Amino acid sequence: MNSKWTRFEGRQHGRTARPGLRVTIGPRHVIYLNGKAFDAIDRHPAVEMLYDGNRRIIGLKPVDPHKSYAFQVKKHGSSGDYHRISASAFCQHFRLQIDRTLLFEGAELDNDGVLLLDLNRTVTVGRGSRYK
């Protein structure tokens, strides 16, 4: 076998069956949740955004949408079950540089109902920013 292979860690383009939670973040700092990820936060209309800088983990926790720190979860598009969170202020505050669309691998809920998004466990699924 050729020992100089480089494995492509991305995903196939197109609509393929995605059995689990799918969460992405792109260069415009928008977080997208598929239906199962939205179910994981109980289809709540708002989340508080948490960040563990030592472990580079983003947390999304359902919160009262009237709280001053609530980020609205909005339906994305007219078909499908995707939802989005505009996280630009969050990313700027924590100086998170996102230059390509990243898929969070192993997104999961912790015991406190926080959806954990590990920036150390991502796969690039986009071709880079077209907005430079």
C-alpha atoms as a PDB file:
ATOM      1  CA  MET A   1       0.000   0.000   0.000  1.00  0.00           C
ATOM      2  CA  ASN A   2       1.179   3.519  -0.779  1.00  0.00           C
ATOM      3  CA  SER A   3       2.418   5.048   2.486  1.00  0.00           C
ATOM      4  CA  LYS A   4       2.109   8.593   1.157  1.00  0.00           C
ATOM      5  CA  TRP A   5      -1.679   8.673   1.075  1.00  0.00           C
ATOM      6  CA  THR A   6      -3.404  11.627   2.676  1.00  0.00           C
ATOM      7  CA  ARG A   7      -6.892  10.868   3.890  1.00  0.00           C
ATOM      8  CA  PHE A   8      -9.605  13.412   3.024  1.00  0.00           C
ATOM      9  CA  GLU A   9     -11.413  14.103   6.299  1.00  0.00           C
ATOM     10  CA  GLY A  10     -14.371  15.940   4.713  1.00  0.00           C
ATOM     11  CA  ARG A  11     -17.788  14.641   3.758  1.00  0.00           C
ATOM     12  CA  GLN A  12     -19.490  13.806   0.503  1.00  0.00           C
ATOM     13  CA  HIS A  13     -21.394  16.672  -1.147  1.00  0.00           C
ATOM     14  CA  GLY A  14     -25.144  16.446  -1.518  1.00  0.00           C
ATOM     15  CA  ARG A  15     -27.961  15.261   0.633  1.00  0.00           C
ATOM     16  CA  THR A  16     -27.040  12.000   2.258  1.00  0.00           C
ATOM     17  CA  ALA A  17     -28.771  10.400   5.191  1.00  0.00           C
ATOM     18  CA  ARG A  18     -27.507  11.857   8.450  1.00  0.00           C
ATOM     19  CA  PRO A  19     -28.622   9.671  11.318  1.00  0.00           C
ATOM     20  CA  GLY A  20     -27.345  11.798  14.191  1.00  0.00           C
ATOM     21  CA  LEU A  21     -26.859  15.314  15.397  1.00  0.00           C
ATOM     22  CA  ARG A  22     -25.404  17.600  12.735  1.00  0.00           C
ATOM     23  CA  VAL A  23     -24.111  21.009  13.753  1.00  0.00           C
ATOM     24  CA  THR A  24     -21.959  23.305  11.626  1.00  0.00           C
ATOM     25  CA  ILE A  25     -20.487  26.782  11.899  1.00  0.00           C
ATOM     26  CA  GLY A  26     -19.321  28.879   8.968  1.00  0.00           C
ATOM     27  CA  PRO A  27     -17.211  31.963   8.225  1.00  0.00           C
ATOM     28  CA  ARG A  28     -20.182  34.242   8.827  1.00  0.00           C
ATOM     29  CA  HIS A  29     -20.417  32.791  12.357  1.00  0.00           C
ATOM     30  CA  VAL A  30     -23.811  31.196  11.881  1.00  0.00           C
ATOM     31  CA  ILE A  31     -24.400  27.896  13.649  1.00  0.00           C
ATOM     32  CA  TYR A  32     -26.726  25.481  11.833  1.00  0.00           C
ATOM     33  CA  LEU A  33     -28.560  22.669  13.631  1.00  0.00           C
ATOM     34  CA  ASN A  34     -30.302  19.775  11.908  1.00  0.00           C
ATOM     35  CA  GLY A  35     -33.639  18.534  13.262  1.00  0.00           C
ATOM     36  CA  LYS A  36     -32.029  16.027  15.617  1.00  0.00           C
ATOM     37  CA  ALA A  37     -29.707  18.637  17.090  1.00  0.00           C
ATOM     38  CA  PHE A  38     -32.685  20.980  17.511  1.00  0.00           C
ATOM     39  CA  ASP A  39     -34.548  18.125  19.229  1.00  0.00           C
ATOM     40  CA  ALA A  40     -31.572  17.715  21.579  1.00  0.00           C
ATOM     41  CA  ILE A  41     -32.193  21.236  22.930  1.00  0.00           C
ATOM     42  CA  ASP A  42     -35.923  20.479  23.141  1.00  0.00           C
ATOM     43  CA  ARG A  43     -36.721  22.698  20.144  1.00  0.00           C
ATOM     44  CA  HIS A  44     -36.221  25.682  22.420  1.00  0.00           C
ATOM     45  CA  PRO A  45     -36.538  29.097  20.696  1.00  0.00           C
ATOM     46  CA  ALA A  46     -33.390  30.501  22.362  1.00  0.00           C
ATOM     47  CA  VAL A  47     -30.095  29.382  23.850  1.00  0.00           C
ATOM     48  CA  GLU A  48     -27.417  30.883  25.991  1.00  0.00           C
ATOM     49  CA  MET A  49     -23.977  30.486  24.483  1.00  0.00           C
ATOM     50  CA  LEU A  50     -21.187  29.227  26.709  1.00  0.00           C
ATOM     51  CA  TYR A  51     -17.478  28.830  25.994  1.00  0.00           C
ATOM     52  CA  ASP A  52     -14.763  26.818  27.704  1.00  0.00           C
ATOM     53  CA  GLY A  53     -11.595  28.452  26.372  1.00  0.00           C
ATOM     54  CA  ASN A  54      -9.252  25.887  27.929  1.00  0.00           C
ATOM     55  CA  ARG A  55     -10.938  22.976  26.159  1.00  0.00           C
ATOM     56  CA  ARG A  56     -12.225  25.022  23.144  1.00  0.00           C
ATOM     57  CA  ILE A  57     -15.799  23.817  23.592  1.00  0.00           C
ATOM     58  CA  ILE A  58     -18.899  25.843  22.734  1.00  0.00           C
ATOM     59  CA  GLY A  59     -22.010  25.099  24.782  1.00  0.00           C
ATOM     60  CA  LEU A  60     -25.602  25.752  23.749  1.00  0.00           C
ATOM     61  CA  LYS A  61     -28.063  25.696  26.632  1.00  0.00           C
ATOM     62  CA  PRO A  62     -31.818  26.340  26.303  1.00  0.00           C
ATOM     63  CA  VAL A  63     -32.800  29.593  27.991  1.00  0.00           C
ATOM     64  CA  ASP A  64     -35.770  31.925  28.357  1.00  0.00           C
ATOM     65  CA  PRO A  65     -35.862  33.925  25.086  1.00  0.00           C
ATOM     66  CA  HIS A  66     -36.480  37.136  27.072  1.00  0.00           C
ATOM     67  CA  LYS A  67     -33.112  36.999  28.840  1.00  0.00           C
ATOM     68  CA  SER A  68     -30.679  39.687  27.684  1.00  0.00           C
ATOM     69  CA  TYR A  69     -28.057  37.049  26.836  1.00  0.00           C
ATOM     70  CA  ALA A  70     -30.422  34.803  24.833  1.00  0.00           C
ATOM     71  CA  PHE A  71     -29.509  33.952  21.236  1.00  0.00           C
ATOM     72  CA  GLN A  72     -32.582  33.273  19.092  1.00  0.00           C
ATOM     73  CA  VAL A  73     -32.844  29.938  17.263  1.00  0.00           C
ATOM     74  CA  LYS A  74     -34.541  30.606  13.945  1.00  0.00           C
ATOM     75  CA  LYS A  75     -35.855  28.304  11.240  1.00  0.00           C
ATOM     76  CA  HIS A  76     -33.559  28.217   8.230  1.00  0.00           C
ATOM     77  CA  GLY A  77     -35.153  27.996   4.811  1.00  0.00           C
ATOM     78  CA  SER A  78     -38.673  27.085   3.829  1.00  0.00           C
ATOM     79  CA  SER A  79     -38.151  23.345   3.606  1.00  0.00           C
ATOM     80  CA  GLY A  80     -36.383  20.866   5.807  1.00  0.00           C
ATOM     81  CA  ASP A  81     -35.800  21.035   9.520  1.00  0.00           C
ATOM     82  CA  TYR A  82     -32.650  23.143   9.836  1.00  0.00           C
ATOM     83  CA  HIS A  83     -32.351  25.981  12.327  1.00  0.00           C
ATOM     84  CA  ARG A  84     -29.732  28.680  12.739  1.00  0.00           C
ATOM     85  CA  ILE A  85     -28.163  30.785  15.454  1.00  0.00           C
ATOM     86  CA  SER A  86     -26.374  34.029  14.581  1.00  0.00           C
ATOM     87  CA  ALA A  87     -23.266  33.788  16.747  1.00  0.00           C
ATOM     88  CA  SER A  88     -21.184  36.647  15.372  1.00  0.00           C
ATOM     89  CA  ALA A  89     -21.046  38.633  18.623  1.00  0.00           C
ATOM     90  CA  PHE A  90     -20.091  35.466  20.516  1.00  0.00           C
ATOM     91  CA  CYS A  91     -17.306  34.576  18.049  1.00  0.00           C
ATOM     92  CA  GLN A  92     -15.944  38.123  18.037  1.00  0.00           C
ATOM     93  CA  HIS A  93     -15.931  38.302  21.827  1.00  0.00           C
ATOM     94  CA  PHE A  94     -13.970  35.054  22.163  1.00  0.00           C
ATOM     95  CA  ARG A  95     -11.854  35.791  19.055  1.00  0.00           C
ATOM     96  CA  LEU A  96     -12.913  32.595  17.310  1.00  0.00           C
ATOM     97  CA  GLN A  97     -11.553  32.607  13.763  1.00  0.00           C
ATOM     98  CA  ILE A  98     -13.730  30.484  11.468  1.00  0.00           C
ATOM     99  CA  ASP A  99     -12.613  30.661   7.837  1.00  0.00           C
ATOM    100  CA  ARG A 100     -14.354  27.558   6.494  1.00  0.00           C
ATOM    101  CA  THR A 101     -17.549  25.723   7.274  1.00  0.00           C
ATOM    102  CA  LEU A 102     -16.823  23.258  10.070  1.00  0.00           C
ATOM    103  CA  LEU A 103     -18.856  20.210  11.062  1.00  0.00           C
ATOM    104  CA  PHE A 104     -18.722  19.385  14.767  1.00  0.00           C
ATOM    105  CA  GLU A 105     -18.061  15.685  15.198  1.00  0.00           C
ATOM    106  CA  GLY A 106     -19.464  14.011  18.268  1.00  0.00           C
ATOM    107  CA  ALA A 107     -21.816  16.847  19.234  1.00  0.00           C
ATOM    108  CA  GLU A 108     -23.594  15.636  22.357  1.00  0.00           C
ATOM    109  CA  LEU A 109     -25.616  16.700  25.377  1.00  0.00           C
ATOM    110  CA  ASP A 110     -24.010  16.750  28.786  1.00  0.00           C
ATOM    111  CA  ASN A 111     -25.822  15.915  32.027  1.00  0.00           C
ATOM    112  CA  ASP A 112     -26.942  19.549  32.413  1.00  0.00           C
ATOM    113  CA  GLY A 113     -28.687  19.649  29.026  1.00  0.00           C
ATOM    114  CA  VAL A 114     -25.914  21.649  27.335  1.00  0.00           C
ATOM    115  CA  LEU A 115     -25.193  20.768  23.706  1.00  0.00           C
ATOM    116  CA  LEU A 116     -21.396  20.481  23.513  1.00  0.00           C
ATOM    117  CA  LEU A 117     -19.606  21.567  20.328  1.00  0.00           C
ATOM    118  CA  ASP A 118     -15.894  20.754  20.470  1.00  0.00           C
ATOM    119  CA  LEU A 119     -13.781  22.971  18.207  1.00  0.00           C
ATOM    120  CA  ASN A 120     -10.985  20.387  18.476  1.00  0.00           C
ATOM    121  CA  ARG A 121     -13.222  17.771  16.852  1.00  0.00           C
ATOM    122  CA  THR A 122     -14.335  19.366  13.597  1.00  0.00           C
ATOM    123  CA  VAL A 123     -14.150  18.444   9.941  1.00  0.00           C
ATOM    124  CA  THR A 124     -14.002  21.017   7.172  1.00  0.00           C
ATOM    125  CA  VAL A 125     -17.087  20.682   4.969  1.00  0.00           C
ATOM    126  CA  GLY A 126     -16.946  23.994   3.129  1.00  0.00           C
ATOM    127  CA  ARG A 127     -14.592  25.373   0.530  1.00  0.00           C
ATOM    128  CA  GLY A 128     -13.683  28.508   2.436  1.00  0.00           C
ATOM    129  CA  SER A 129     -15.013  31.988   2.761  1.00  0.00           C
ATOM    130  CA  ARG A 130     -16.316  33.656  -0.374  1.00  0.00           C
ATOM    131  CA  TYR A 131     -16.836  36.897   1.544  1.00  0.00           C
ATOM    132  CA  LYS A 132     -13.251  38.103   1.937  1.00  0.00           C
END
